[in-house]
Amino acid sequence: MIDGQHATGRRGVPGRLLYLEGAGVSRPRVVLSVAVSLDGYIDDTIPERLYLSNERDFDGVDQLRAESDAILIGAETVRRDNPWLWLRSQERRESRVAAGKPANLLKVTVTASGDIDPDARMFHQHIEAGKPLVYTTVEGAEKIGVKLASVADVVAIPDADFWGTLLDDLGRRGVGQLIVEGGTHIHTAFLEAGLADELRYALAPLLIGQSDAPRFVNPAQFPGGTRRRLEFVDATTLDDVVVLRYRPKNTSVTVHGQ
């Protein structure tokens, strides 16, 4: 059981946080945020970063970040995009501080392999909410060793319910709302586990057409199967981008012919 201090976990992993119990805490509200092309891709295969959104949509995401307590991305996004994960708006940062919150969100990433660079931007700028968190497997924590000790808190999760335990731990840390910004594996995992409370889906007027480019989700067994309809919340047009919002936790099923 984690008590908020560094501890030695199983298999002699030094200086790691090891979370063993997940029940009995209030999990954060989870909002998935993604921008996709018309043909369902979230990126292309060109080394330079692809910006699917426009300025108005970026501002909308910035507002969603400002309303959240923590932001989560996958280690592949860290490796590929090396983002800062901060609030772009100085006014929103000041409003958070005036409300007694850190100017920027708690930063979170997930890696199964432990392959993550301690020099990544997310570990070194805009960390008013405290050390970023790195959730991993026990094997991943062994690979990480102590290389992140000065820049992040590493949490090794041995549970089969990895994602549920991760949310339990964030809830215990006081995170009320978590914004998840992917990529593919992360979005798939939250949706497959039925852990997403809301999906913010920004549709960009681009066609990628590259079969090896990353998509929004991978093939998976999603709750309710192919006949389950998500609950529609609203749609907003932001210049050439349309933002759709759904509630994935809705369990209603439409049966054809009835």
Protein backbone atom coordinates (compact mmCIF):
# COMPACT_ATOMS: atom_id res chain seq x y z
CA MET A 1 0.00 0.00 0.00
CA ILE A 2 1.37 3.41 -0.96
CA ASP A 3 1.73 5.94 1.82
CA GLY A 4 3.01 8.76 -0.40
CA GLN A 5 6.66 8.08 0.38
CA HIS A 6 9.34 6.32 -1.63
CA ALA A 7 9.47 2.66 -0.76
CA THR A 8 11.15 -0.52 -1.85
CA GLY A 9 8.75 -2.64 -3.87
CA ARG A 10 8.73 -6.26 -4.94
CA ARG A 11 11.77 -7.86 -6.55
CA GLY A 12 14.06 -5.36 -4.82
CA VAL A 13 13.14 -2.34 -6.96
CA PRO A 14 14.95 0.48 -5.14
CA GLY A 15 13.36 3.82 -4.41
CA ARG A 16 10.13 3.02 -6.21
CA LEU A 17 6.55 3.64 -5.24
CA LEU A 18 4.62 0.39 -5.33
CA TYR A 19 0.85 0.57 -5.25
CA LEU A 20 -0.84 -2.56 -3.97
CA GLU A 21 -4.39 -1.59 -3.01
CA GLY A 22 -6.84 0.37 -5.14
CA ALA A 23 -10.27 0.07 -3.55
CA GLY A 24 -12.06 2.53 -1.32
CA VAL A 25 -11.08 5.84 -2.95
CA SER A 26 -12.91 8.25 -5.22
CA ARG A 27 -11.56 7.97 -8.74
CA PRO A 28 -11.14 11.12 -10.84
CA ARG A 29 -13.50 11.98 -13.66
CA VAL A 30 -11.75 10.95 -16.88
CA VAL A 31 -12.02 13.05 -20.05
CA LEU A 32 -10.40 11.72 -23.22
CA SER A 33 -9.33 14.47 -25.62
CA VAL A 34 -8.28 13.67 -29.17
CA ALA A 35 -8.03 15.31 -32.60
CA VAL A 36 -8.47 13.02 -35.61
CA SER A 37 -8.45 13.26 -39.38
CA LEU A 38 -11.57 12.51 -41.41
CA ASP A 39 -10.24 8.99 -41.97
CA GLY A 40 -9.60 8.34 -38.28
CA TYR A 41 -5.87 9.01 -37.84
CA ILE A 42 -4.27 11.00 -35.03
CA ASP A 43 -0.92 11.52 -36.77
CA ASP A 44 0.99 10.74 -39.95
CA THR A 45 4.41 9.12 -40.46
CA ILE A 46 6.35 12.28 -41.30
CA PRO A 47 8.92 13.17 -38.59
CA GLU A 48 7.65 16.75 -38.22
CA ARG A 49 4.71 17.05 -35.86
CA LEU A 50 1.27 17.14 -37.51
CA TYR A 51 -1.13 19.73 -36.11
CA LEU A 52 -4.66 18.48 -36.72
CA SER A 53 -6.34 21.19 -34.67
CA ASN A 54 -6.64 24.91 -35.31
CA GLU A 55 -6.11 27.81 -32.90
CA ARG A 56 -9.71 27.88 -31.64
CA ASP A 57 -9.62 24.16 -30.90
CA PHE A 58 -6.24 24.48 -29.17
CA ASP A 59 -7.83 27.15 -26.98
CA GLY A 60 -10.74 24.82 -26.20
CA VAL A 61 -8.34 22.10 -25.12
CA ASP A 62 -6.44 24.65 -23.03
CA GLN A 63 -9.70 25.51 -21.24
CA LEU A 64 -10.35 21.82 -20.58
CA ARG A 65 -6.85 21.48 -19.18
CA ALA A 66 -7.46 24.48 -16.93
CA GLU A 67 -10.58 22.77 -15.54
CA SER A 68 -8.64 19.57 -14.76
CA ASP A 69 -6.19 18.56 -12.04
CA ALA A 70 -3.90 16.24 -13.98
CA ILE A 71 -3.00 15.46 -17.59
CA LEU A 72 -1.96 12.00 -18.84
CA ILE A 73 -0.15 10.98 -22.02
CA GLY A 74 1.56 7.77 -23.07
CA ALA A 75 5.31 7.28 -23.21
CA GLU A 76 5.15 7.01 -27.00
CA THR A 77 3.76 10.56 -27.12
CA VAL A 78 6.59 11.67 -24.83
CA ARG A 79 9.12 10.07 -27.19
CA ARG A 80 7.52 11.31 -30.42
CA ASP A 81 6.27 14.82 -29.56
CA ASN A 82 8.16 15.69 -26.34
CA PRO A 83 5.37 18.06 -25.18
CA TRP A 84 5.53 20.61 -22.36
CA LEU A 85 1.98 19.80 -21.12
CA TRP A 86 1.32 23.26 -19.75
CA LEU A 87 -1.49 25.82 -19.96
CA ARG A 88 -0.97 28.17 -22.87
CA SER A 89 -3.10 30.95 -21.39
CA GLN A 90 -1.49 33.16 -18.75
CA GLU A 91 -4.98 34.29 -17.71
CA ARG A 92 -6.04 30.70 -17.03
CA ARG A 93 -2.88 30.03 -15.04
CA GLU A 94 -3.55 33.13 -12.93
CA SER A 95 -7.18 32.09 -12.41
CA ARG A 96 -6.07 28.69 -11.13
CA VAL A 97 -3.65 30.30 -8.70
CA ALA A 98 -6.37 32.68 -7.50
CA ALA A 99 -8.55 29.63 -6.84
CA GLY A 100 -5.83 28.05 -4.71
CA LYS A 101 -4.65 25.59 -7.37
CA PRO A 102 -1.22 25.14 -8.96
CA ALA A 103 -0.77 27.27 -12.10
CA ASN A 104 -0.32 24.11 -14.16
CA LEU A 105 -1.61 20.55 -13.95
CA LEU A 106 0.02 17.49 -12.46
CA LYS A 107 1.75 15.68 -15.34
CA VAL A 108 1.34 11.92 -15.73
CA THR A 109 2.72 9.38 -18.18
CA VAL A 110 2.50 5.61 -18.54
CA THR A 111 5.14 3.20 -19.77
CA ALA A 112 5.04 -0.58 -19.72
CA SER A 113 8.63 -0.98 -20.92
CA GLY A 114 10.29 1.70 -18.79
CA ASP A 115 11.74 3.29 -21.92
CA ILE A 116 11.49 6.97 -21.06
CA ASP A 117 14.00 9.81 -21.21
CA PRO A 118 14.62 11.74 -17.97
CA ASP A 119 15.47 14.78 -20.12
CA ALA A 120 11.95 14.92 -21.61
CA ARG A 121 10.35 18.36 -21.35
CA MET A 122 7.44 17.22 -19.19
CA PHE A 123 9.84 16.57 -16.30
CA HIS A 124 11.54 19.95 -16.30
CA GLN A 125 9.13 22.82 -17.03
CA HIS A 126 5.86 24.02 -15.49
CA ILE A 127 5.77 21.49 -12.64
CA GLU A 128 3.98 23.67 -10.09
CA ALA A 129 1.74 20.73 -9.14
CA GLY A 130 4.75 18.69 -8.02
CA LYS A 131 6.92 15.99 -9.51
CA PRO A 132 5.40 14.34 -12.58
CA LEU A 133 4.16 10.77 -12.13
CA VAL A 134 5.33 7.78 -14.17
CA TYR A 135 3.11 4.70 -13.89
CA THR A 136 4.64 1.45 -15.01
CA THR A 137 4.77 -2.29 -14.47
CA VAL A 138 7.10 -3.88 -11.94
CA GLU A 139 9.34 -4.91 -14.84
CA GLY A 140 9.26 -1.36 -16.20
CA ALA A 141 10.25 0.02 -12.80
CA GLU A 142 13.22 -2.35 -12.73
CA LYS A 143 14.39 -1.00 -16.07
CA ILE A 144 13.88 2.61 -15.00
CA GLY A 145 15.87 2.02 -11.83
CA VAL A 146 16.89 5.35 -10.33
CA LYS A 147 17.31 7.35 -13.55
CA LEU A 148 14.06 9.29 -12.97
CA ALA A 149 14.46 9.68 -9.20
CA SER A 150 15.29 13.39 -9.34
CA VAL A 151 12.59 14.40 -11.84
CA ALA A 152 9.57 12.12 -11.27
CA ASP A 153 7.80 9.78 -8.88
CA VAL A 154 7.62 6.27 -10.35
CA VAL A 155 4.66 4.10 -9.40
CA ALA A 156 4.93 0.37 -10.17
CA ILE A 157 1.55 -1.34 -10.46
CA PRO A 158 1.57 -5.15 -10.24
CA ASP A 159 -2.23 -5.45 -10.34
CA ALA A 160 -4.04 -7.05 -13.25
CA ASP A 161 -6.39 -4.05 -13.09
CA PHE A 162 -3.61 -1.64 -14.08
CA TRP A 163 -5.81 1.25 -15.23
CA GLY A 164 -8.29 1.05 -12.39
CA THR A 165 -5.47 1.00 -9.86
CA LEU A 166 -3.86 3.97 -11.59
CA LEU A 167 -7.09 5.96 -11.20
CA ASP A 168 -7.41 4.89 -7.57
CA ASP A 169 -3.92 6.21 -6.91
CA LEU A 170 -4.66 9.53 -8.62
CA GLY A 171 -7.86 9.82 -6.61
CA ARG A 172 -5.89 9.27 -3.43
CA ARG A 173 -3.58 12.08 -4.51
CA GLY A 174 -6.53 14.46 -4.77
CA VAL A 175 -7.04 14.46 -8.54
CA GLY A 176 -10.70 15.24 -9.23
CA GLN A 177 -10.54 15.39 -13.03
CA LEU A 178 -8.00 13.79 -15.35
CA ILE A 179 -7.61 14.82 -18.99
CA VAL A 180 -6.15 12.06 -21.16
CA GLU A 181 -4.47 13.09 -24.41
CA GLY A 182 -3.49 9.68 -25.77
CA GLY A 183 -2.15 8.31 -28.03
CA THR A 184 -3.65 5.20 -29.52
CA HIS A 185 -2.80 2.62 -26.84
CA ILE A 186 -3.86 4.90 -23.99
CA HIS A 187 -7.21 5.85 -25.52
CA THR A 188 -7.92 2.22 -26.37
CA ALA A 189 -7.09 1.09 -22.83
CA PHE A 190 -9.41 3.59 -21.10
CA LEU A 191 -12.29 2.92 -23.48
CA GLU A 192 -11.88 -0.85 -23.40
CA ALA A 193 -11.85 -0.81 -19.59
CA GLY A 194 -14.97 1.39 -19.49
CA LEU A 195 -13.14 4.08 -17.52
CA ALA A 196 -13.78 7.16 -19.69
CA ASP A 197 -16.49 9.55 -18.49
CA GLU A 198 -16.35 11.84 -21.50
CA LEU A 199 -14.82 11.88 -24.98
CA ARG A 200 -13.88 15.17 -26.64
CA TYR A 201 -13.43 14.26 -30.31
CA ALA A 202 -12.13 17.02 -32.60
CA LEU A 203 -12.62 16.21 -36.28
CA ALA A 204 -10.10 17.90 -38.59
CA PRO A 205 -10.58 18.37 -42.38
CA LEU A 206 -7.58 16.27 -43.35
CA LEU A 207 -7.10 12.88 -44.99
CA ILE A 208 -3.99 10.94 -43.92
CA GLY A 209 -4.39 7.69 -45.83
CA GLN A 210 -1.21 6.06 -44.47
CA SER A 211 -1.92 2.52 -43.33
CA ASP A 212 0.96 2.53 -40.85
CA ALA A 213 0.00 5.87 -39.25
CA PRO A 214 -1.50 5.78 -35.72
CA ARG A 215 -5.27 5.71 -35.39
CA PHE A 216 -7.50 6.93 -32.58
CA VAL A 217 -7.96 3.41 -31.17
CA ASN A 218 -6.73 -0.10 -31.85
CA PRO A 219 -9.03 -3.10 -32.38
CA ALA A 220 -10.44 -4.02 -28.97
CA GLN A 221 -13.39 -5.54 -27.10
CA PHE A 222 -15.23 -2.38 -26.08
CA PRO A 223 -18.01 -2.54 -23.46
CA GLY A 224 -21.38 -3.27 -25.04
CA GLY A 225 -19.91 -4.49 -28.30
CA THR A 226 -20.65 -3.12 -31.75
CA ARG A 227 -24.29 -2.22 -31.01
CA ARG A 228 -23.68 0.09 -28.08
CA ARG A 229 -24.26 3.78 -28.80
CA LEU A 230 -22.39 6.45 -26.85
CA GLU A 231 -24.43 9.23 -25.29
CA PHE A 232 -24.20 12.40 -27.40
CA VAL A 233 -23.50 15.59 -25.44
CA ASP A 234 -23.00 18.35 -28.02
CA ALA A 235 -21.24 19.52 -31.18
CA THR A 236 -19.31 22.76 -31.68
CA THR A 237 -17.90 24.18 -34.91
CA LEU A 238 -14.54 25.92 -34.46
CA ASP A 239 -13.76 27.29 -37.92
CA ASP A 240 -12.82 24.18 -39.94
CA VAL A 241 -12.79 21.79 -36.95
CA VAL A 242 -15.90 20.18 -35.47
CA VAL A 243 -15.72 19.14 -31.82
CA LEU A 244 -18.03 16.29 -30.80
CA ARG A 245 -18.55 15.32 -27.17
CA TYR A 246 -19.86 11.95 -26.00
CA ARG A 247 -20.27 10.11 -22.73
CA PRO A 248 -18.77 6.63 -23.26
CA LYS A 249 -20.02 5.28 -19.92
CA ASN A 250 -23.59 5.27 -21.19
CA THR A 251 -24.57 1.57 -21.38
CA SER A 252 -27.70 1.90 -23.51
CA VAL A 253 -27.87 -0.48 -26.47
CA THR A 254 -29.95 0.03 -29.58
CA VAL A 255 -31.29 -3.19 -31.11
CA HIS A 256 -32.01 -2.97 -34.82
CA GLY A 257 -35.67 -3.55 -35.74
CA GLN A 258 -37.04 -2.42 -32.37
